Amino acid sequence: MRYFIELSYNGAAYHGWQNQPKDISVQEVIEKALSMLLRAHISIMGAGRTDTGVHASQMFAHFDAHEVFNEKNLVFKLNSYLPKDIAIRNIFKVKENAHARFDAVSRTYLYRIALKKDVFSFDNSFFVKQDLDVEKMNEASAILFKYKDFQCFSKSNTDVKTYYCDIMKAKWTLQGDELHFVIKADRFLRNMVRAIVGTMINIGLGKIDVEYLNTIIKSKNRSEAGFSVPAHGLYLAEVEYPNDIKINE
């Protein structure tokens, strides 16, 4: 049977989601726990590849298991075994060809900017001391919907075949003493969200004009876009799938 795992994690202690030759990853920790509890070699495939230090409030992964088990009991055992910065929320059966990465129809990311110094949030949001023009940042966000090719926001050394992404949502909102950026798309390029946020911050600070974002995107040149904001303010917030992917018992 094929199963989906729904989970969340604090990425501070990990070198991203995907297995690394020498560094610890979220994927490695979960695979070891599953393999031990199910007494078989278990490999998992995640919905995406979050970078070092990036968090996930919702992530999905799939795995195959030959032995029958109780899903709720396995959730309990995994959460008892796994470290405190990884939490399993659900495990459920899916169709045999369901794929956590390729079947995802959209992904939503959240970036948190702290507008005031806060001793409790400096580990999970990016503190910006200067005043930001949120209205201009939202004007710039609206420009993103005009384009599909976002090579200018992608890491240079990447093996992707296309830089096309369908952005469905991009908006800045004030949440107390924080400024939140929520962006939703069918797919994201490596470092894309962090580069977009860095560019938006430059617009909010008045370093570049809103309309110049058009020139940046058309350039397809990463050096034209803004700086890459720190990973600790970024969260994979939601992954959506077709309704019929789950097996209802």
C-alpha atoms as a PDB file:
ATOM      1  CA  MET A   1       0.000   0.000   0.000  1.00  0.00           C
ATOM      2  CA  ARG A   2       1.042   3.571  -0.593  1.00  0.00           C
ATOM      3  CA  TYR A   3       0.617   6.057   2.246  1.00  0.00           C
ATOM      4  CA  PHE A   4       0.808   9.827   2.581  1.00  0.00           C
ATOM      5  CA  ILE A   5       2.295  11.425   5.687  1.00  0.00           C
ATOM      6  CA  GLU A   6       1.212  14.923   6.689  1.00  0.00           C
ATOM      7  CA  LEU A   7       3.776  16.601   8.934  1.00  0.00           C
ATOM      8  CA  SER A   8       5.325  19.851  10.108  1.00  0.00           C
ATOM      9  CA  TYR A   9       8.838  20.734  11.176  1.00  0.00           C
ATOM     10  CA  ASN A  10      11.081  23.473  12.461  1.00  0.00           C
ATOM     11  CA  GLY A  11      13.940  23.505   9.967  1.00  0.00           C
ATOM     12  CA  ALA A  12      16.534  25.299  12.108  1.00  0.00           C
ATOM     13  CA  ALA A  13      18.550  22.168  12.907  1.00  0.00           C
ATOM     14  CA  TYR A  14      18.379  20.608   9.438  1.00  0.00           C
ATOM     15  CA  HIS A  15      20.126  21.016   6.100  1.00  0.00           C
ATOM     16  CA  GLY A  16      16.814  21.117   4.286  1.00  0.00           C
ATOM     17  CA  TRP A  17      14.278  18.407   3.578  1.00  0.00           C
ATOM     18  CA  GLN A  18      16.211  16.216   1.144  1.00  0.00           C
ATOM     19  CA  ASN A  19      18.832  13.646   2.135  1.00  0.00           C
ATOM     20  CA  GLN A  20      22.405  14.951   2.122  1.00  0.00           C
ATOM     21  CA  PRO A  21      25.693  12.974   1.897  1.00  0.00           C
ATOM     22  CA  LYS A  22      27.148  14.391   5.108  1.00  0.00           C
ATOM     23  CA  ASP A  23      24.524  16.632   6.738  1.00  0.00           C
ATOM     24  CA  ILE A  24      21.334  15.805   8.619  1.00  0.00           C
ATOM     25  CA  SER A  25      18.016  16.307   6.817  1.00  0.00           C
ATOM     26  CA  VAL A  26      14.342  16.035   7.781  1.00  0.00           C
ATOM     27  CA  GLN A  27      13.864  13.230   5.253  1.00  0.00           C
ATOM     28  CA  GLU A  28      16.675  11.153   6.777  1.00  0.00           C
ATOM     29  CA  VAL A  29      15.322  11.445  10.324  1.00  0.00           C
ATOM     30  CA  ILE A  30      11.804  10.373   9.295  1.00  0.00           C
ATOM     31  CA  GLU A  31      13.059   7.496   7.113  1.00  0.00           C
ATOM     32  CA  LYS A  32      15.116   6.102   9.995  1.00  0.00           C
ATOM     33  CA  ALA A  33      12.141   6.329  12.364  1.00  0.00           C
ATOM     34  CA  LEU A  34       9.746   4.668   9.895  1.00  0.00           C
ATOM     35  CA  SER A  35      12.233   1.919   9.047  1.00  0.00           C
ATOM     36  CA  MET A  36      12.748   1.106  12.715  1.00  0.00           C
ATOM     37  CA  LEU A  37       9.041   1.081  13.623  1.00  0.00           C
ATOM     38  CA  LEU A  38       7.925  -0.881  10.543  1.00  0.00           C
ATOM     39  CA  ARG A  39      11.001  -3.144  10.617  1.00  0.00           C
ATOM     40  CA  ALA A  40      11.693  -2.625   6.926  1.00  0.00           C
ATOM     41  CA  HIS A  41      13.715  -0.247   4.760  1.00  0.00           C
ATOM     42  CA  ILE A  42      11.390   2.695   4.100  1.00  0.00           C
ATOM     43  CA  SER A  43      12.118   5.506   1.655  1.00  0.00           C
ATOM     44  CA  ILE A  44       9.924   8.591   1.484  1.00  0.00           C
ATOM     45  CA  MET A  45       9.333  11.206  -1.225  1.00  0.00           C
ATOM     46  CA  GLY A  46       8.448  14.729  -0.155  1.00  0.00           C
ATOM     47  CA  ALA A  47       6.168  17.279  -1.797  1.00  0.00           C
ATOM     48  CA  GLY A  48       9.117  19.642  -2.176  1.00  0.00           C
ATOM     49  CA  ARG A  49      12.710  20.343  -1.233  1.00  0.00           C
ATOM     50  CA  THR A  50      12.876  23.063   1.389  1.00  0.00           C
ATOM     51  CA  ASP A  51      16.357  24.547   1.828  1.00  0.00           C
ATOM     52  CA  THR A  52      18.544  24.614   4.923  1.00  0.00           C
ATOM     53  CA  GLY A  53      16.782  26.369   7.810  1.00  0.00           C
ATOM     54  CA  VAL A  54      13.390  26.650   6.083  1.00  0.00           C
ATOM     55  CA  HIS A  55      10.367  25.473   8.078  1.00  0.00           C
ATOM     56  CA  ALA A  56       7.153  23.701   7.103  1.00  0.00           C
ATOM     57  CA  SER A  57       3.831  24.099   8.852  1.00  0.00           C
ATOM     58  CA  GLN A  58       2.430  21.604   6.336  1.00  0.00           C
ATOM     59  CA  MET A  59       4.459  19.116   4.325  1.00  0.00           C
ATOM     60  CA  PHE A  60       3.424  15.845   2.709  1.00  0.00           C
ATOM     61  CA  ALA A  61       5.476  12.806   1.779  1.00  0.00           C
ATOM     62  CA  HIS A  62       4.616   9.345   0.491  1.00  0.00           C
ATOM     63  CA  PHE A  63       6.017   5.885   1.213  1.00  0.00           C
ATOM     64  CA  ASP A  64       5.201   2.258   0.373  1.00  0.00           C
ATOM     65  CA  ALA A  65       4.741  -0.472   2.981  1.00  0.00           C
ATOM     66  CA  HIS A  66       4.037  -4.189   2.562  1.00  0.00           C
ATOM     67  CA  GLU A  67       2.967  -4.798   6.148  1.00  0.00           C
ATOM     68  CA  VAL A  68      -0.494  -3.732   7.328  1.00  0.00           C
ATOM     69  CA  PHE A  69      -0.486  -1.338  10.288  1.00  0.00           C
ATOM     70  CA  ASN A  70      -2.830   0.964  12.162  1.00  0.00           C
ATOM     71  CA  GLU A  71      -2.276   4.513  10.886  1.00  0.00           C
ATOM     72  CA  LYS A  72      -3.249   6.265  14.126  1.00  0.00           C
ATOM     73  CA  ASN A  73      -0.971   4.026  16.177  1.00  0.00           C
ATOM     74  CA  LEU A  74       1.931   4.723  13.835  1.00  0.00           C
ATOM     75  CA  VAL A  75       1.346   8.490  14.135  1.00  0.00           C
ATOM     76  CA  PHE A  76       1.511   8.138  17.927  1.00  0.00           C
ATOM     77  CA  LYS A  77       4.663   6.001  17.836  1.00  0.00           C
ATOM     78  CA  LEU A  78       6.422   8.287  15.358  1.00  0.00           C
ATOM     79  CA  ASN A  79       5.692  11.394  17.419  1.00  0.00           C
ATOM     80  CA  SER A  80       7.004   9.611  20.524  1.00  0.00           C
ATOM     81  CA  TYR A  81      10.202   8.642  18.723  1.00  0.00           C
ATOM     82  CA  LEU A  82      10.949  11.675  16.560  1.00  0.00           C
ATOM     83  CA  PRO A  83      12.720  14.798  17.919  1.00  0.00           C
ATOM     84  CA  LYS A  84      10.616  17.710  19.168  1.00  0.00           C
ATOM     85  CA  ASP A  85      11.145  19.747  15.980  1.00  0.00           C
ATOM     86  CA  ILE A  86       9.321  17.223  13.720  1.00  0.00           C
ATOM     87  CA  ALA A  87       5.619  16.440  14.230  1.00  0.00           C
ATOM     88  CA  ILE A  88       3.522  13.895  12.325  1.00  0.00           C
ATOM     89  CA  ARG A  89      -0.061  15.103  11.898  1.00  0.00           C
ATOM     90  CA  ASN A  90      -1.640  12.322   9.865  1.00  0.00           C
ATOM     91  CA  ILE A  91      -0.975   9.129   7.862  1.00  0.00           C
ATOM     92  CA  PHE A  92      -3.504   7.885   5.322  1.00  0.00           C
ATOM     93  CA  LYS A  93      -3.816   5.453   2.415  1.00  0.00           C
ATOM     94  CA  VAL A  94      -3.710   6.839  -1.126  1.00  0.00           C
ATOM     95  CA  LYS A  95      -4.004   5.393  -4.620  1.00  0.00           C
ATOM     96  CA  GLU A  96      -1.040   3.217  -5.611  1.00  0.00           C
ATOM     97  CA  ASN A  97       0.264   5.719  -8.171  1.00  0.00           C
ATOM     98  CA  ALA A  98      -0.238   8.819  -6.007  1.00  0.00           C
ATOM     99  CA  HIS A  99       2.888  10.973  -5.800  1.00  0.00           C
ATOM    100  CA  ALA A 100       3.529  13.560  -3.094  1.00  0.00           C
ATOM    101  CA  ARG A 101       5.575  15.772  -5.393  1.00  0.00           C
ATOM    102  CA  PHE A 102       4.099  15.379  -8.864  1.00  0.00           C
ATOM    103  CA  ASP A 103       0.421  15.253  -7.857  1.00  0.00           C
ATOM    104  CA  ALA A 104       0.527  18.489  -5.831  1.00  0.00           C
ATOM    105  CA  VAL A 105      -1.607  21.087  -7.629  1.00  0.00           C
ATOM    106  CA  SER A 106      -0.335  24.050  -5.603  1.00  0.00           C
ATOM    107  CA  ARG A 107       2.047  25.065  -2.853  1.00  0.00           C
ATOM    108  CA  THR A 108       1.750  28.062  -0.554  1.00  0.00           C
ATOM    109  CA  TYR A 109       4.647  29.728   1.251  1.00  0.00           C
ATOM    110  CA  LEU A 110       4.610  32.256   4.085  1.00  0.00           C
ATOM    111  CA  TYR A 111       7.422  34.688   4.835  1.00  0.00           C
ATOM    112  CA  ARG A 112       7.415  36.475   8.197  1.00  0.00           C
ATOM    113  CA  ILE A 113       9.055  39.869   8.727  1.00  0.00           C
ATOM    114  CA  ALA A 114       9.266  41.231  12.275  1.00  0.00           C
ATOM    115  CA  LEU A 115       8.765  45.000  12.393  1.00  0.00           C
ATOM    116  CA  LYS A 116       9.819  45.338  16.039  1.00  0.00           C
ATOM    117  CA  LYS A 117      12.625  43.705  17.979  1.00  0.00           C
ATOM    118  CA  ASP A 118      11.135  40.658  19.663  1.00  0.00           C
ATOM    119  CA  VAL A 119      13.145  38.271  21.831  1.00  0.00           C
ATOM    120  CA  PHE A 120      10.650  35.482  21.151  1.00  0.00           C
ATOM    121  CA  SER A 121      10.479  35.675  17.352  1.00  0.00           C
ATOM    122  CA  PHE A 122      14.034  36.360  16.155  1.00  0.00           C
ATOM    123  CA  ASP A 123      14.560  32.641  15.418  1.00  0.00           C
ATOM    124  CA  ASN A 124      11.516  32.322  13.171  1.00  0.00           C
ATOM    125  CA  SER A 125      11.077  35.716  11.493  1.00  0.00           C
ATOM    126  CA  PHE A 126      13.347  38.248   9.768  1.00  0.00           C
ATOM    127  CA  PHE A 127      13.711  41.529  11.661  1.00  0.00           C
ATOM    128  CA  VAL A 128      13.703  44.642   9.453  1.00  0.00           C
ATOM    129  CA  LYS A 129      14.475  47.865  11.344  1.00  0.00           C
ATOM    130  CA  GLN A 130      13.513  50.356   8.627  1.00  0.00           C
ATOM    131  CA  ASP A 131       9.954  51.384   7.761  1.00  0.00           C
ATOM    132  CA  LEU A 132       8.507  49.505   4.800  1.00  0.00           C
ATOM    133  CA  ASP A 133       5.919  50.869   2.357  1.00  0.00           C
ATOM    134  CA  VAL A 134       3.448  47.973   2.363  1.00  0.00           C
ATOM    135  CA  GLU A 135       1.231  49.586  -0.271  1.00  0.00           C
ATOM    136  CA  LYS A 136       4.102  49.692  -2.764  1.00  0.00           C
ATOM    137  CA  MET A 137       5.058  46.120  -1.908  1.00  0.00           C
ATOM    138  CA  ASN A 138       1.515  44.999  -2.739  1.00  0.00           C
ATOM    139  CA  GLU A 139       1.600  46.976  -5.984  1.00  0.00           C
ATOM    140  CA  ALA A 140       4.745  45.047  -6.858  1.00  0.00           C
ATOM    141  CA  SER A 141       3.108  41.753  -5.871  1.00  0.00           C
ATOM    142  CA  ALA A 142       0.337  42.399  -8.411  1.00  0.00           C
ATOM    143  CA  ILE A 143       2.958  42.671 -11.164  1.00  0.00           C
ATOM    144  CA  LEU A 144       3.969  39.034 -10.571  1.00  0.00           C
ATOM    145  CA  PHE A 145       0.636  37.848 -12.033  1.00  0.00           C
ATOM    146  CA  LYS A 146       1.600  39.269 -15.437  1.00  0.00           C
ATOM    147  CA  TYR A 147       4.453  36.793 -15.887  1.00  0.00           C
ATOM    148  CA  LYS A 148       5.191  33.062 -16.033  1.00  0.00           C
ATOM    149  CA  ASP A 149       8.996  32.994 -16.445  1.00  0.00           C
ATOM    150  CA  PHE A 150      10.727  33.726 -13.128  1.00  0.00           C
ATOM    151  CA  GLN A 151      14.307  32.827 -13.969  1.00  0.00           C
ATOM    152  CA  CYS A 152      15.466  36.110 -12.386  1.00  0.00           C
ATOM    153  CA  PHE A 153      14.456  34.755  -8.959  1.00  0.00           C
ATOM    154  CA  SER A 154      16.024  31.307  -9.387  1.00  0.00           C
ATOM    155  CA  LYS A 155      19.395  30.077  -8.184  1.00  0.00           C
ATOM    156  CA  SER A 156      21.864  30.101 -11.065  1.00  0.00           C
ATOM    157  CA  ASN A 157      23.081  26.512 -10.696  1.00  0.00           C
ATOM    158  CA  THR A 158      19.908  24.505 -11.096  1.00  0.00           C
ATOM    159  CA  ASP A 159      18.880  21.589 -13.300  1.00  0.00           C
ATOM    160  CA  VAL A 160      15.257  22.610 -13.957  1.00  0.00           C
ATOM    161  CA  LYS A 161      13.952  22.316 -17.525  1.00  0.00           C
ATOM    162  CA  THR A 162      11.673  25.341 -17.277  1.00  0.00           C
ATOM    163  CA  TYR A 163      11.473  28.493 -15.183  1.00  0.00           C
ATOM    164  CA  TYR A 164       7.718  28.792 -15.707  1.00  0.00           C
ATOM    165  CA  CYS A 165       5.501  29.064 -12.624  1.00  0.00           C
ATOM    166  CA  ASP A 166       1.809  29.895 -12.369  1.00  0.00           C
ATOM    167  CA  ILE A 167       1.439  32.304  -9.438  1.00  0.00           C
ATOM    168  CA  MET A 168      -2.095  32.226  -8.008  1.00  0.00           C
ATOM    169  CA  LYS A 169      -1.691  34.465  -4.970  1.00  0.00           C
ATOM    170  CA  ALA A 170       0.859  37.011  -3.744  1.00  0.00           C
ATOM    171  CA  LYS A 171      -0.020  39.442  -0.976  1.00  0.00           C
ATOM    172  CA  TRP A 172       1.471  41.326   1.973  1.00  0.00           C
ATOM    173  CA  THR A 173      -0.568  41.796   5.163  1.00  0.00           C
ATOM    174  CA  LEU A 174       0.141  43.338   8.558  1.00  0.00           C
ATOM    175  CA  GLN A 175      -0.300  40.853  11.398  1.00  0.00           C
ATOM    176  CA  GLY A 176       0.309  42.706  14.663  1.00  0.00           C
ATOM    177  CA  ASP A 177       4.013  43.566  14.789  1.00  0.00           C
ATOM    178  CA  GLU A 178       4.781  41.359  11.802  1.00  0.00           C
ATOM    179  CA  LEU A 179       4.463  41.719   8.051  1.00  0.00           C
ATOM    180  CA  HIS A 180       3.460  38.482   6.327  1.00  0.00           C
ATOM    181  CA  PHE A 181       3.938  37.626   2.657  1.00  0.00           C
ATOM    182  CA  VAL A 182       1.821  34.748   1.342  1.00  0.00           C
ATOM    183  CA  ILE A 183       2.521  33.406  -2.144  1.00  0.00           C
ATOM    184  CA  LYS A 184       0.806  30.474  -3.851  1.00  0.00           C
ATOM    185  CA  ALA A 185       1.809  28.808  -7.135  1.00  0.00           C
ATOM    186  CA  ASP A 186       1.743  25.485  -8.926  1.00  0.00           C
ATOM    187  CA  ARG A 187       5.510  25.174  -8.429  1.00  0.00           C
ATOM    188  CA  PHE A 188       8.478  27.176  -7.156  1.00  0.00           C
ATOM    189  CA  LEU A 189      12.080  27.474  -8.266  1.00  0.00           C
ATOM    190  CA  ARG A 190      14.992  27.088  -5.861  1.00  0.00           C
ATOM    191  CA  ASN A 191      15.384  30.218  -3.714  1.00  0.00           C
ATOM    192  CA  MET A 192      12.486  31.855  -5.604  1.00  0.00           C
ATOM    193  CA  VAL A 193      10.415  33.020  -2.628  1.00  0.00           C
ATOM    194  CA  ARG A 194      13.412  34.357  -0.711  1.00  0.00           C
ATOM    195  CA  ALA A 195      14.592  36.297  -3.788  1.00  0.00           C
ATOM    196  CA  ILE A 196      11.111  37.726  -4.392  1.00  0.00           C
ATOM    197  CA  VAL A 197      10.852  38.853  -0.768  1.00  0.00           C
ATOM    198  CA  GLY A 198      14.298  40.464  -0.885  1.00  0.00           C
ATOM    199  CA  THR A 199      13.307  42.347  -4.036  1.00  0.00           C
ATOM    200  CA  MET A 200      10.020  43.445  -2.440  1.00  0.00           C
ATOM    201  CA  ILE A 201      11.869  44.716   0.619  1.00  0.00           C
ATOM    202  CA  ASN A 202      14.043  46.883  -1.636  1.00  0.00           C
ATOM    203  CA  ILE A 203      10.839  48.270  -3.161  1.00  0.00           C
ATOM    204  CA  GLY A 204       9.355  48.843   0.295  1.00  0.00           C
ATOM    205  CA  LEU A 205      12.489  50.717   1.331  1.00  0.00           C
ATOM    206  CA  GLY A 206      12.335  52.901  -1.783  1.00  0.00           C
ATOM    207  CA  LYS A 207      15.593  51.570  -3.193  1.00  0.00           C
ATOM    208  CA  ILE A 208      13.921  50.617  -6.474  1.00  0.00           C
ATOM    209  CA  ASP A 209      10.654  51.708  -8.104  1.00  0.00           C
ATOM    210  CA  VAL A 210       7.645  49.420  -8.281  1.00  0.00           C
ATOM    211  CA  GLU A 211       7.583  49.464 -12.089  1.00  0.00           C
ATOM    212  CA  TYR A 212      11.240  48.452 -12.268  1.00  0.00           C
ATOM    213  CA  LEU A 213      10.132  44.978 -11.190  1.00  0.00           C
ATOM    214  CA  ASN A 214       8.990  44.474 -14.798  1.00  0.00           C
ATOM    215  CA  THR A 215      12.553  45.098 -15.996  1.00  0.00           C
ATOM    216  CA  ILE A 216      13.948  42.690 -13.404  1.00  0.00           C
ATOM    217  CA  ILE A 217      11.624  39.859 -14.426  1.00  0.00           C
ATOM    218  CA  LYS A 218      12.168  40.416 -18.153  1.00  0.00           C
ATOM    219  CA  SER A 219      15.956  40.376 -17.653  1.00  0.00           C
ATOM    220  CA  LYS A 220      15.893  36.702 -16.528  1.00  0.00           C
ATOM    221  CA  ASN A 221      19.042  37.606 -14.623  1.00  0.00           C
ATOM    222  CA  ARG A 222      19.366  36.710 -10.922  1.00  0.00           C
ATOM    223  CA  SER A 223      21.850  39.538 -10.330  1.00  0.00           C
ATOM    224  CA  GLU A 224      19.157  42.082 -11.305  1.00  0.00           C
ATOM    225  CA  ALA A 225      16.811  40.940  -8.523  1.00  0.00           C
ATOM    226  CA  GLY A 226      17.144  41.721  -4.825  1.00  0.00           C
ATOM    227  CA  PHE A 227      19.002  39.923  -2.046  1.00  0.00           C
ATOM    228  CA  SER A 228      17.899  36.546  -0.731  1.00  0.00           C
ATOM    229  CA  VAL A 229      16.273  36.955   2.680  1.00  0.00           C
ATOM    230  CA  PRO A 230      17.282  34.579   5.514  1.00  0.00           C
ATOM    231  CA  ALA A 231      15.784  31.092   5.514  1.00  0.00           C
ATOM    232  CA  HIS A 232      14.497  31.205   9.098  1.00  0.00           C
ATOM    233  CA  GLY A 233      11.559  33.463   8.160  1.00  0.00           C
ATOM    234  CA  LEU A 234      10.256  31.118   5.438  1.00  0.00           C
ATOM    235  CA  TYR A 235       7.568  28.454   5.877  1.00  0.00           C
ATOM    236  CA  LEU A 236       6.021  25.963   3.503  1.00  0.00           C
ATOM    237  CA  ALA A 237       2.467  26.641   4.666  1.00  0.00           C
ATOM    238  CA  GLU A 238       0.178  24.473   2.533  1.00  0.00           C
ATOM    239  CA  VAL A 239       0.286  21.803  -0.175  1.00  0.00           C
ATOM    240  CA  GLU A 240      -2.894  20.993  -2.087  1.00  0.00           C
ATOM    241  CA  TYR A 241      -3.819  17.768  -3.909  1.00  0.00           C
ATOM    242  CA  PRO A 242      -6.778  16.523  -5.992  1.00  0.00           C
ATOM    243  CA  ASN A 243      -9.669  15.360  -3.818  1.00  0.00           C
ATOM    244  CA  ASP A 244      -9.671  11.843  -5.269  1.00  0.00           C
ATOM    245  CA  ILE A 245      -6.072  10.988  -4.320  1.00  0.00           C
ATOM    246  CA  LYS A 246      -7.099   9.533  -0.944  1.00  0.00           C
ATOM    247  CA  ILE A 247      -8.588   6.076  -0.456  1.00  0.00           C
ATOM    248  CA  ASN A 248     -11.749   6.391   1.649  1.00  0.00           C
ATOM    249  CA  GLU A 249     -12.418   3.350   3.779  1.00  0.00           C
END
